[in-house]
Amino acid sequence: GRIGAIVHFLDVGGIQPPEAAGLEAVLSGLRSTFEDDDKLLAAA
């Protein structure tokens, strides 16, 4: 449920959980690092 709240905020907005900014930063970094979607998913 807590992960769901973070994903919800990062996808459509709403109430921001405290961990949201950190997860967004990490996933954004991974997305810019891996061009291959399978490798991106494995890292995520």
All heavy atoms as atom14 arrays in JSON, in Angstrom:
{
  "sequence": "GRIGAIVHFLDVGGIQPPEAAGLEAVLSGLRSTFEDDDKLLAAA",
  "atom14_mask": [
    [1, 1, 1, 1, 0, 0, 0, 0, 0, 0, 0, 0, 0, 0],
    [1, 1, 1, 1, 1, 1, 1, 1, 1, 1, 1, 0, 0, 0],
    [1, 1, 1, 1, 1, 1, 1, 1, 0, 0, 0, 0, 0, 0],
    [1, 1, 1, 1, 0, 0, 0, 0, 0, 0, 0, 0, 0, 0],
    [1, 1, 1, 1, 1, 0, 0, 0, 0, 0, 0, 0, 0, 0],
    [1, 1, 1, 1, 1, 1, 1, 1, 0, 0, 0, 0, 0, 0],
    [1, 1, 1, 1, 1, 1, 1, 0, 0, 0, 0, 0, 0, 0],
    [1, 1, 1, 1, 1, 1, 1, 1, 1, 1, 0, 0, 0, 0],
    [1, 1, 1, 1, 1, 1, 1, 1, 1, 1, 1, 0, 0, 0],
    [1, 1, 1, 1, 1, 1, 1, 1, 0, 0, 0, 0, 0, 0],
    [1, 1, 1, 1, 1, 1, 1, 1, 0, 0, 0, 0, 0, 0],
    [1, 1, 1, 1, 1, 1, 1, 0, 0, 0, 0, 0, 0, 0],
    [1, 1, 1, 1, 0, 0, 0, 0, 0, 0, 0, 0, 0, 0],
    [1, 1, 1, 1, 0, 0, 0, 0, 0, 0, 0, 0, 0, 0],
    [1, 1, 1, 1, 1, 1, 1, 1, 0, 0, 0, 0, 0, 0],
    [1, 1, 1, 1, 1, 1, 1, 1, 1, 0, 0, 0, 0, 0],
    [1, 1, 1, 1, 1, 1, 1, 0, 0, 0, 0, 0, 0, 0],
    [1, 1, 1, 1, 1, 1, 1, 0, 0, 0, 0, 0, 0, 0],
    [1, 1, 1, 1, 1, 1, 1, 1, 1, 0, 0, 0, 0, 0],
    [1, 1, 1, 1, 1, 0, 0, 0, 0, 0, 0, 0, 0, 0],
    [1, 1, 1, 1, 1, 0, 0, 0, 0, 0, 0, 0, 0, 0],
    [1, 1, 1, 1, 0, 0, 0, 0, 0, 0, 0, 0, 0, 0],
    [1, 1, 1, 1, 1, 1, 1, 1, 0, 0, 0, 0, 0, 0],
    [1, 1, 1, 1, 1, 1, 1, 1, 1, 0, 0, 0, 0, 0],
    [1, 1, 1, 1, 1, 0, 0, 0, 0, 0, 0, 0, 0, 0],
    [1, 1, 1, 1, 1, 1, 1, 0, 0, 0, 0, 0, 0, 0],
    [1, 1, 1, 1, 1, 1, 1, 1, 0, 0, 0, 0, 0, 0],
    [1, 1, 1, 1, 1, 1, 0, 0, 0, 0, 0, 0, 0, 0],
    [1, 1, 1, 1, 0, 0, 0, 0, 0, 0, 0, 0, 0, 0],
    [1, 1, 1, 1, 1, 1, 1, 1, 0, 0, 0, 0, 0, 0],
    [1, 1, 1, 1, 1, 1, 1, 1, 1, 1, 1, 0, 0, 0],
    [1, 1, 1, 1, 1, 1, 0, 0, 0, 0, 0, 0, 0, 0],
    [1, 1, 1, 1, 1, 1, 1, 0, 0, 0, 0, 0, 0, 0],
    [1, 1, 1, 1, 1, 1, 1, 1, 1, 1, 1, 0, 0, 0],
    [1, 1, 1, 1, 1, 1, 1, 1, 1, 0, 0, 0, 0, 0],
    [1, 1, 1, 1, 1, 1, 1, 1, 0, 0, 0, 0, 0, 0],
    [1, 1, 1, 1, 1, 1, 1, 1, 0, 0, 0, 0, 0, 0],
    [1, 1, 1, 1, 1, 1, 1, 1, 0, 0, 0, 0, 0, 0],
    [1, 1, 1, 1, 1, 1, 1, 1, 1, 0, 0, 0, 0, 0],
    [1, 1, 1, 1, 1, 1, 1, 1, 0, 0, 0, 0, 0, 0],
    [1, 1, 1, 1, 1, 1, 1, 1, 0, 0, 0, 0, 0, 0],
    [1, 1, 1, 1, 1, 0, 0, 0, 0, 0, 0, 0, 0, 0],
    [1, 1, 1, 1, 1, 0, 0, 0, 0, 0, 0, 0, 0, 0],
    [1, 1, 1, 1, 1, 0, 0, 0, 0, 0, 0, 0, 0, 0]
  ],
  "atom14_positions": [
    [[0.82, -1.21, 0.0], [0.0, 0.0, 0.0], [0.85, 1.26, 0.0], [0.53, 2.25, -0.66], [0.0, 0.0, 0.0], [0.0, 0.0, 0.0], [0.0, 0.0, 0.0], [0.0, 0.0, 0.0], [0.0, 0.0, 0.0], [0.0, 0.0, 0.0], [0.0, 0.0, 0.0], [0.0, 0.0, 0.0], [0.0, 0.0, 0.0], [0.0, 0.0, 0.0]],
    [[1.95, 1.22, 0.74], [2.83, 2.39, 0.79], [3.54, 2.59, -0.54], [3.7, 3.73, -1.0], [3.83, 2.25, 1.93], [3.16, 2.34, 3.31], [4.17, 2.33, 4.44], [4.93, 3.57, 4.48], [5.88, 3.83, 5.39], [6.18, 2.92, 6.3], [6.53, 4.97, 5.37], [0.0, 0.0, 0.0], [0.0, 0.0, 0.0], [0.0, 0.0, 0.0]],
    [[3.97, 1.5, -1.16], [4.56, 1.63, -2.49], [3.52, 2.15, -3.47], [3.81, 3.01, -4.31], [5.14, 0.28, -2.96], [6.3, -0.14, -2.06], [5.62, 0.39, -4.41], [6.88, -1.5, -2.38], [0.0, 0.0, 0.0], [0.0, 0.0, 0.0], [0.0, 0.0, 0.0], [0.0, 0.0, 0.0], [0.0, 0.0, 0.0], [0.0, 0.0, 0.0]],
    [[2.31, 1.64, -3.36], [1.23, 2.11, -4.23], [0.98, 3.6, -4.11], [0.74, 4.28, -5.11], [0.0, 0.0, 0.0], [0.0, 0.0, 0.0], [0.0, 0.0, 0.0], [0.0, 0.0, 0.0], [0.0, 0.0, 0.0], [0.0, 0.0, 0.0], [0.0, 0.0, 0.0], [0.0, 0.0, 0.0], [0.0, 0.0, 0.0], [0.0, 0.0, 0.0]],
    [[1.06, 4.13, -2.9], [0.85, 5.57, -2.7], [1.94, 6.38, -3.4], [1.66, 7.45, -3.97], [0.83, 5.89, -1.21], [0.0, 0.0, 0.0], [0.0, 0.0, 0.0], [0.0, 0.0, 0.0], [0.0, 0.0, 0.0], [0.0, 0.0, 0.0], [0.0, 0.0, 0.0], [0.0, 0.0, 0.0], [0.0, 0.0, 0.0], [0.0, 0.0, 0.0]],
    [[3.17, 5.88, -3.38], [4.27, 6.58, -4.05], [4.08, 6.54, -5.57], [4.2, 7.56, -6.26], [5.62, 5.95, -3.67], [5.86, 6.05, -2.17], [6.76, 6.63, -4.43], [7.07, 5.25, -1.69], [0.0, 0.0, 0.0], [0.0, 0.0, 0.0], [0.0, 0.0, 0.0], [0.0, 0.0, 0.0], [0.0, 0.0, 0.0], [0.0, 0.0, 0.0]],
    [[3.78, 5.33, -6.09], [3.59, 5.18, -7.52], [2.43, 6.06, -7.99], [2.51, 6.72, -9.03], [3.33, 3.7, -7.88], [2.96, 3.54, -9.35], [4.57, 2.86, -7.56], [0.0, 0.0, 0.0], [0.0, 0.0, 0.0], [0.0, 0.0, 0.0], [0.0, 0.0, 0.0], [0.0, 0.0, 0.0], [0.0, 0.0, 0.0], [0.0, 0.0, 0.0]],
    [[1.35, 6.07, -7.22], [0.19, 6.9, -7.57], [0.59, 8.36, -7.69], [0.27, 9.02, -8.69], [-0.89, 6.74, -6.5], [-2.15, 7.49, -6.81], [-3.3, 6.87, -7.25], [-2.44, 8.83, -6.77], [-4.23, 7.77, -7.46], [-3.73, 8.98, -7.18], [0.0, 0.0, 0.0], [0.0, 0.0, 0.0], [0.0, 0.0, 0.0], [0.0, 0.0, 0.0]],
    [[1.31, 8.87, -6.7], [1.7, 10.29, -6.73], [2.59, 10.59, -7.92], [2.39, 11.58, -8.63], [2.41, 10.67, -5.44], [3.01, 12.05, -5.5], [2.2, 13.18, -5.35], [4.36, 12.23, -5.76], [2.73, 14.45, -5.45], [4.91, 13.5, -5.85], [4.08, 14.62, -5.69], [0.0, 0.0, 0.0], [0.0, 0.0, 0.0], [0.0, 0.0, 0.0]],
    [[3.58, 9.74, -8.17], [4.52, 10.0, -9.26], [3.86, 9.85, -10.63], [4.33, 10.44, -11.61], [5.73, 9.08, -9.15], [6.64, 9.32, -7.95], [7.78, 8.31, -7.92], [7.21, 10.75, -7.96], [0.0, 0.0, 0.0], [0.0, 0.0, 0.0], [0.0, 0.0, 0.0], [0.0, 0.0, 0.0], [0.0, 0.0, 0.0], [0.0, 0.0, 0.0]],
    [[2.77, 9.09, -10.7], [2.12, 8.88, -11.99], [1.04, 9.91, -12.27], [0.95, 10.42, -13.39], [1.52, 7.47, -12.05], [1.22, 7.03, -13.48], [2.11, 7.19, -14.34], [0.12, 6.54, -13.73], [0.0, 0.0, 0.0], [0.0, 0.0, 0.0], [0.0, 0.0, 0.0], [0.0, 0.0, 0.0], [0.0, 0.0, 0.0], [0.0, 0.0, 0.0]],
    [[0.23, 10.23, -11.28], [-0.9, 11.13, -11.54], [-1.01, 12.29, -10.56], [-1.93, 13.1, -10.64], [-2.24, 10.35, -11.56], [-2.25, 9.34, -12.69], [-2.52, 9.67, -10.23], [0.0, 0.0, 0.0], [0.0, 0.0, 0.0], [0.0, 0.0, 0.0], [0.0, 0.0, 0.0], [0.0, 0.0, 0.0], [0.0, 0.0, 0.0], [0.0, 0.0, 0.0]],
    [[-0.1, 12.37, -9.6], [-0.16, 13.47, -8.63], [-1.0, 13.1, -7.42], [-1.36, 11.96, -7.2], [0.0, 0.0, 0.0], [0.0, 0.0, 0.0], [0.0, 0.0, 0.0], [0.0, 0.0, 0.0], [0.0, 0.0, 0.0], [0.0, 0.0, 0.0], [0.0, 0.0, 0.0], [0.0, 0.0, 0.0], [0.0, 0.0, 0.0], [0.0, 0.0, 0.0]],
    [[-1.3, 14.12, -6.61], [-2.08, 13.91, -5.39], [-1.25, 14.2, -4.16], [-0.45, 15.15, -4.14], [0.0, 0.0, 0.0], [0.0, 0.0, 0.0], [0.0, 0.0, 0.0], [0.0, 0.0, 0.0], [0.0, 0.0, 0.0], [0.0, 0.0, 0.0], [0.0, 0.0, 0.0], [0.0, 0.0, 0.0], [0.0, 0.0, 0.0], [0.0, 0.0, 0.0]],
    [[-1.43, 13.41, -3.12], [-0.7, 13.6, -1.87], [0.69, 12.98, -1.99], [0.83, 11.82, -2.35], [-1.47, 12.96, -0.69], [-2.84, 13.63, -0.54], [-0.68, 13.08, 0.61], [-3.74, 12.96, 0.47], [0.0, 0.0, 0.0], [0.0, 0.0, 0.0], [0.0, 0.0, 0.0], [0.0, 0.0, 0.0], [0.0, 0.0, 0.0], [0.0, 0.0, 0.0]],
    [[1.72, 13.76, -1.66], [3.1, 13.3, -1.86], [3.63, 12.56, -0.64], [3.82, 13.15, 0.42], [4.02, 14.48, -2.17], [5.47, 14.06, -2.39], [6.34, 15.18, -2.88], [5.9, 16.3, -3.06], [7.61, 14.88, -3.11], [0.0, 0.0, 0.0], [0.0, 0.0, 0.0], [0.0, 0.0, 0.0], [0.0, 0.0, 0.0], [0.0, 0.0, 0.0]],
    [[3.91, 11.25, -0.77], [4.57, 10.53, 0.31], [6.01, 11.01, 0.45], [6.62, 11.46, -0.54], [4.53, 9.07, -0.15], [3.47, 9.02, -1.21], [3.53, 10.36, -1.87], [0.0, 0.0, 0.0], [0.0, 0.0, 0.0], [0.0, 0.0, 0.0], [0.0, 0.0, 0.0], [0.0, 0.0, 0.0], [0.0, 0.0, 0.0], [0.0, 0.0, 0.0]],
    [[6.6, 10.94, 1.63], [7.95, 11.46, 1.83], [9.01, 10.76, 0.97], [10.04, 11.35, 0.66], [8.21, 11.24, 3.33], [7.18, 10.26, 3.77], [6.0, 10.45, 2.89], [0.0, 0.0, 0.0], [0.0, 0.0, 0.0], [0.0, 0.0, 0.0], [0.0, 0.0, 0.0], [0.0, 0.0, 0.0], [0.0, 0.0, 0.0], [0.0, 0.0, 0.0]],
    [[8.77, 9.51, 0.58], [9.77, 8.77, -0.19], [9.68, 9.02, -1.69], [10.52, 8.54, -2.47], [9.63, 7.26, 0.06], [9.73, 6.83, 1.52], [8.41, 6.93, 2.27], [7.38, 7.32, 1.64], [8.39, 6.64, 3.47], [0.0, 0.0, 0.0], [0.0, 0.0, 0.0], [0.0, 0.0, 0.0], [0.0, 0.0, 0.0], [0.0, 0.0, 0.0]],
    [[8.68, 9.77, -2.14], [8.42, 9.9, -3.57], [9.57, 10.57, -4.32], [9.97, 10.1, -5.39], [7.13, 10.68, -3.81], [0.0, 0.0, 0.0], [0.0, 0.0, 0.0], [0.0, 0.0, 0.0], [0.0, 0.0, 0.0], [0.0, 0.0, 0.0], [0.0, 0.0, 0.0], [0.0, 0.0, 0.0], [0.0, 0.0, 0.0], [0.0, 0.0, 0.0]],
    [[10.11, 11.65, -3.77], [11.17, 12.37, -4.47], [12.4, 11.49, -4.65], [13.05, 11.51, -5.72], [11.53, 13.63, -3.71], [0.0, 0.0, 0.0], [0.0, 0.0, 0.0], [0.0, 0.0, 0.0], [0.0, 0.0, 0.0], [0.0, 0.0, 0.0], [0.0, 0.0, 0.0], [0.0, 0.0, 0.0], [0.0, 0.0, 0.0], [0.0, 0.0, 0.0]],
    [[12.73, 10.69, -3.63], [13.88, 9.81, -3.74], [13.7, 8.75, -4.8], [14.61, 8.48, -5.6], [0.0, 0.0, 0.0], [0.0, 0.0, 0.0], [0.0, 0.0, 0.0], [0.0, 0.0, 0.0], [0.0, 0.0, 0.0], [0.0, 0.0, 0.0], [0.0, 0.0, 0.0], [0.0, 0.0, 0.0], [0.0, 0.0, 0.0], [0.0, 0.0, 0.0]],
    [[12.51, 8.11, -4.82], [12.26, 7.08, -5.82], [12.27, 7.68, -7.22], [12.84, 7.09, -8.15], [10.92, 6.39, -5.55], [10.55, 5.29, -6.55], [11.57, 4.16, -6.51], [9.15, 4.75, -6.29], [0.0, 0.0, 0.0], [0.0, 0.0, 0.0], [0.0, 0.0, 0.0], [0.0, 0.0, 0.0], [0.0, 0.0, 0.0], [0.0, 0.0, 0.0]],
    [[11.69, 8.85, -7.38], [11.67, 9.51, -8.69], [13.09, 9.78, -9.16], [13.42, 9.55, -10.33], [10.88, 10.81, -8.61], [10.81, 11.55, -9.93], [10.04, 12.84, -9.83], [10.04, 13.47, -8.75], [9.42, 13.25, -10.84], [0.0, 0.0, 0.0], [0.0, 0.0, 0.0], [0.0, 0.0, 0.0], [0.0, 0.0, 0.0], [0.0, 0.0, 0.0]],
    [[13.95, 10.26, -8.27], [15.33, 10.57, -8.64], [16.07, 9.31, -9.07], [16.8, 9.31, -10.08], [16.05, 11.25, -7.47], [0.0, 0.0, 0.0], [0.0, 0.0, 0.0], [0.0, 0.0, 0.0], [0.0, 0.0, 0.0], [0.0, 0.0, 0.0], [0.0, 0.0, 0.0], [0.0, 0.0, 0.0], [0.0, 0.0, 0.0], [0.0, 0.0, 0.0]],
    [[15.91, 8.23, -8.31], [16.61, 6.98, -8.63], [16.13, 6.42, -9.97], [16.94, 6.04, -10.84], [16.42, 5.94, -7.51], [16.97, 4.59, -7.94], [17.11, 6.4, -6.24], [0.0, 0.0, 0.0], [0.0, 0.0, 0.0], [0.0, 0.0, 0.0], [0.0, 0.0, 0.0], [0.0, 0.0, 0.0], [0.0, 0.0, 0.0], [0.0, 0.0, 0.0]],
    [[14.81, 6.36, -10.17], [14.29, 5.8, -11.42], [14.65, 6.68, -12.62], [14.92, 6.18, -13.71], [12.77, 5.63, -11.33], [12.27, 4.58, -10.34], [10.76, 4.49, -10.37], [12.89, 3.22, -10.62], [0.0, 0.0, 0.0], [0.0, 0.0, 0.0], [0.0, 0.0, 0.0], [0.0, 0.0, 0.0], [0.0, 0.0, 0.0], [0.0, 0.0, 0.0]],
    [[14.65, 7.98, -12.41], [15.05, 8.88, -13.49], [16.5, 8.64, -13.88], [16.85, 8.61, -15.07], [14.87, 10.34, -13.05], [15.27, 11.23, -14.06], [0.0, 0.0, 0.0], [0.0, 0.0, 0.0], [0.0, 0.0, 0.0], [0.0, 0.0, 0.0], [0.0, 0.0, 0.0], [0.0, 0.0, 0.0], [0.0, 0.0, 0.0], [0.0, 0.0, 0.0]],
    [[17.37, 8.43, -12.87], [18.76, 8.14, -13.16], [18.93, 6.83, -13.9], [19.71, 6.73, -14.86], [0.0, 0.0, 0.0], [0.0, 0.0, 0.0], [0.0, 0.0, 0.0], [0.0, 0.0, 0.0], [0.0, 0.0, 0.0], [0.0, 0.0, 0.0], [0.0, 0.0, 0.0], [0.0, 0.0, 0.0], [0.0, 0.0, 0.0], [0.0, 0.0, 0.0]],
    [[18.18, 5.81, -13.5], [18.26, 4.52, -14.18], [17.76, 4.64, -15.62], [18.34, 4.04, -16.54], [17.43, 3.47, -13.43], [17.93, 3.06, -12.04], [16.97, 2.06, -11.41], [19.33, 2.46, -12.13], [0.0, 0.0, 0.0], [0.0, 0.0, 0.0], [0.0, 0.0, 0.0], [0.0, 0.0, 0.0], [0.0, 0.0, 0.0], [0.0, 0.0, 0.0]],
    [[16.7, 5.4, -15.8], [16.12, 5.54, -17.14], [17.09, 6.23, -18.11], [17.11, 5.93, -19.3], [14.82, 6.34, -17.03], [13.84, 6.13, -18.2], [12.5, 6.67, -17.79], [11.47, 6.4, -18.78], [10.95, 7.32, -19.58], [11.4, 8.55, -19.53], [10.0, 7.01, -20.42], [0.0, 0.0, 0.0], [0.0, 0.0, 0.0], [0.0, 0.0, 0.0]],
    [[17.87, 7.16, -17.58], [18.86, 7.82, -18.43], [20.11, 6.98, -18.63], [20.9, 7.23, -19.54], [19.23, 9.18, -17.83], [19.87, 9.03, -16.57], [0.0, 0.0, 0.0], [0.0, 0.0, 0.0], [0.0, 0.0, 0.0], [0.0, 0.0, 0.0], [0.0, 0.0, 0.0], [0.0, 0.0, 0.0], [0.0, 0.0, 0.0], [0.0, 0.0, 0.0]],
    [[20.29, 5.98, -17.78], [21.48, 5.11, -17.86], [21.27, 3.95, -18.83], [22.18, 3.59, -19.59], [21.83, 4.56, -16.47], [22.09, 5.65, -15.58], [23.05, 3.65, -16.54], [0.0, 0.0, 0.0], [0.0, 0.0, 0.0], [0.0, 0.0, 0.0], [0.0, 0.0, 0.0], [0.0, 0.0, 0.0], [0.0, 0.0, 0.0], [0.0, 0.0, 0.0]],
    [[20.06, 3.36, -18.8], [19.79, 2.16, -19.59], [18.86, 2.47, -20.76], [17.7, 2.87, -20.56], [19.15, 1.08, -18.71], [20.05, 0.6, -17.6], [19.86, 1.04, -16.3], [21.08, -0.28, -17.86], [20.68, 0.6, -15.27], [21.91, -0.73, -16.85], [21.72, -0.28, -15.55], [0.0, 0.0, 0.0], [0.0, 0.0, 0.0], [0.0, 0.0, 0.0]],
    [[19.37, 2.3, -21.98], [18.55, 2.47, -23.17], [17.7, 1.22, -23.43], [16.62, 1.31, -24.0], [19.43, 2.76, -24.39], [20.14, 4.1, -24.34], [19.17, 5.27, -24.44], [18.08, 5.09, -25.03], [19.5, 6.35, -23.92], [0.0, 0.0, 0.0], [0.0, 0.0, 0.0], [0.0, 0.0, 0.0], [0.0, 0.0, 0.0], [0.0, 0.0, 0.0]],
    [[18.22, 0.07, -22.99], [17.5, -1.2, -23.17], [16.48, -1.36, -22.05], [16.81, -1.3, -20.87], [18.5, -2.36, -23.14], [17.82, -3.69, -23.37], [17.36, -4.3, -22.38], [17.74, -4.12, -24.53], [0.0, 0.0, 0.0], [0.0, 0.0, 0.0], [0.0, 0.0, 0.0], [0.0, 0.0, 0.0], [0.0, 0.0, 0.0], [0.0, 0.0, 0.0]],
    [[15.21, -1.55, -22.41], [14.14, -1.59, -21.42], [14.24, -2.81, -20.5], [13.86, -2.73, -19.33], [12.77, -1.57, -22.11], [12.45, -0.21, -22.69], [13.18, 0.76, -22.38], [11.48, -0.1, -23.46], [0.0, 0.0, 0.0], [0.0, 0.0, 0.0], [0.0, 0.0, 0.0], [0.0, 0.0, 0.0], [0.0, 0.0, 0.0], [0.0, 0.0, 0.0]],
    [[14.76, -3.93, -20.99], [14.93, -5.1, -20.13], [15.98, -4.83, -19.05], [15.82, -5.22, -17.89], [15.33, -6.32, -20.95], [14.18, -6.87, -21.79], [13.05, -6.94, -21.25], [14.4, -7.2, -22.96], [0.0, 0.0, 0.0], [0.0, 0.0, 0.0], [0.0, 0.0, 0.0], [0.0, 0.0, 0.0], [0.0, 0.0, 0.0], [0.0, 0.0, 0.0]],
    [[17.05, -4.15, -19.43], [18.09, -3.81, -18.46], [17.59, -2.77, -17.47], [17.91, -2.81, -16.28], [19.34, -3.3, -19.18], [20.05, -4.38, -19.98], [21.29, -3.83, -20.69], [22.0, -4.92, -21.49], [23.19, -4.41, -22.2], [0.0, 0.0, 0.0], [0.0, 0.0, 0.0], [0.0, 0.0, 0.0], [0.0, 0.0, 0.0], [0.0, 0.0, 0.0]],
    [[16.8, -1.82, -17.97], [16.19, -0.83, -17.09], [15.31, -1.52, -16.06], [15.38, -1.22, -14.85], [15.37, 0.17, -17.91], [14.46, 1.12, -17.14], [15.26, 2.0, -16.18], [13.65, 1.99, -18.11], [0.0, 0.0, 0.0], [0.0, 0.0, 0.0], [0.0, 0.0, 0.0], [0.0, 0.0, 0.0], [0.0, 0.0, 0.0], [0.0, 0.0, 0.0]],
    [[14.49, -2.46, -16.5], [13.59, -3.16, -15.58], [14.38, -3.97, -14.56], [14.05, -3.97, -13.37], [12.65, -4.06, -16.37], [11.63, -4.85, -15.55], [10.72, -3.9, -14.78], [10.81, -5.77, -16.44], [0.0, 0.0, 0.0], [0.0, 0.0, 0.0], [0.0, 0.0, 0.0], [0.0, 0.0, 0.0], [0.0, 0.0, 0.0], [0.0, 0.0, 0.0]],
    [[15.43, -4.64, -15.01], [16.24, -5.44, -14.09], [16.84, -4.57, -13.0], [16.88, -4.95, -11.82], [17.35, -6.17, -14.86], [0.0, 0.0, 0.0], [0.0, 0.0, 0.0], [0.0, 0.0, 0.0], [0.0, 0.0, 0.0], [0.0, 0.0, 0.0], [0.0, 0.0, 0.0], [0.0, 0.0, 0.0], [0.0, 0.0, 0.0], [0.0, 0.0, 0.0]],
    [[17.3, -3.37, -13.36], [17.85, -2.45, -12.36], [16.76, -1.95, -11.43], [16.96, -1.82, -10.22], [18.54, -1.29, -13.07], [0.0, 0.0, 0.0], [0.0, 0.0, 0.0], [0.0, 0.0, 0.0], [0.0, 0.0, 0.0], [0.0, 0.0, 0.0], [0.0, 0.0, 0.0], [0.0, 0.0, 0.0], [0.0, 0.0, 0.0], [0.0, 0.0, 0.0]],
    [[15.58, -1.66, -11.97], [14.48, -1.17, -11.16], [13.98, -2.21, -10.17], [13.5, -1.87, -9.08], [13.33, -0.7, -12.05], [0.0, 0.0, 0.0], [0.0, 0.0, 0.0], [0.0, 0.0, 0.0], [0.0, 0.0, 0.0], [0.0, 0.0, 0.0], [0.0, 0.0, 0.0], [0.0, 0.0, 0.0], [0.0, 0.0, 0.0], [0.0, 0.0, 0.0]]
  ]
}
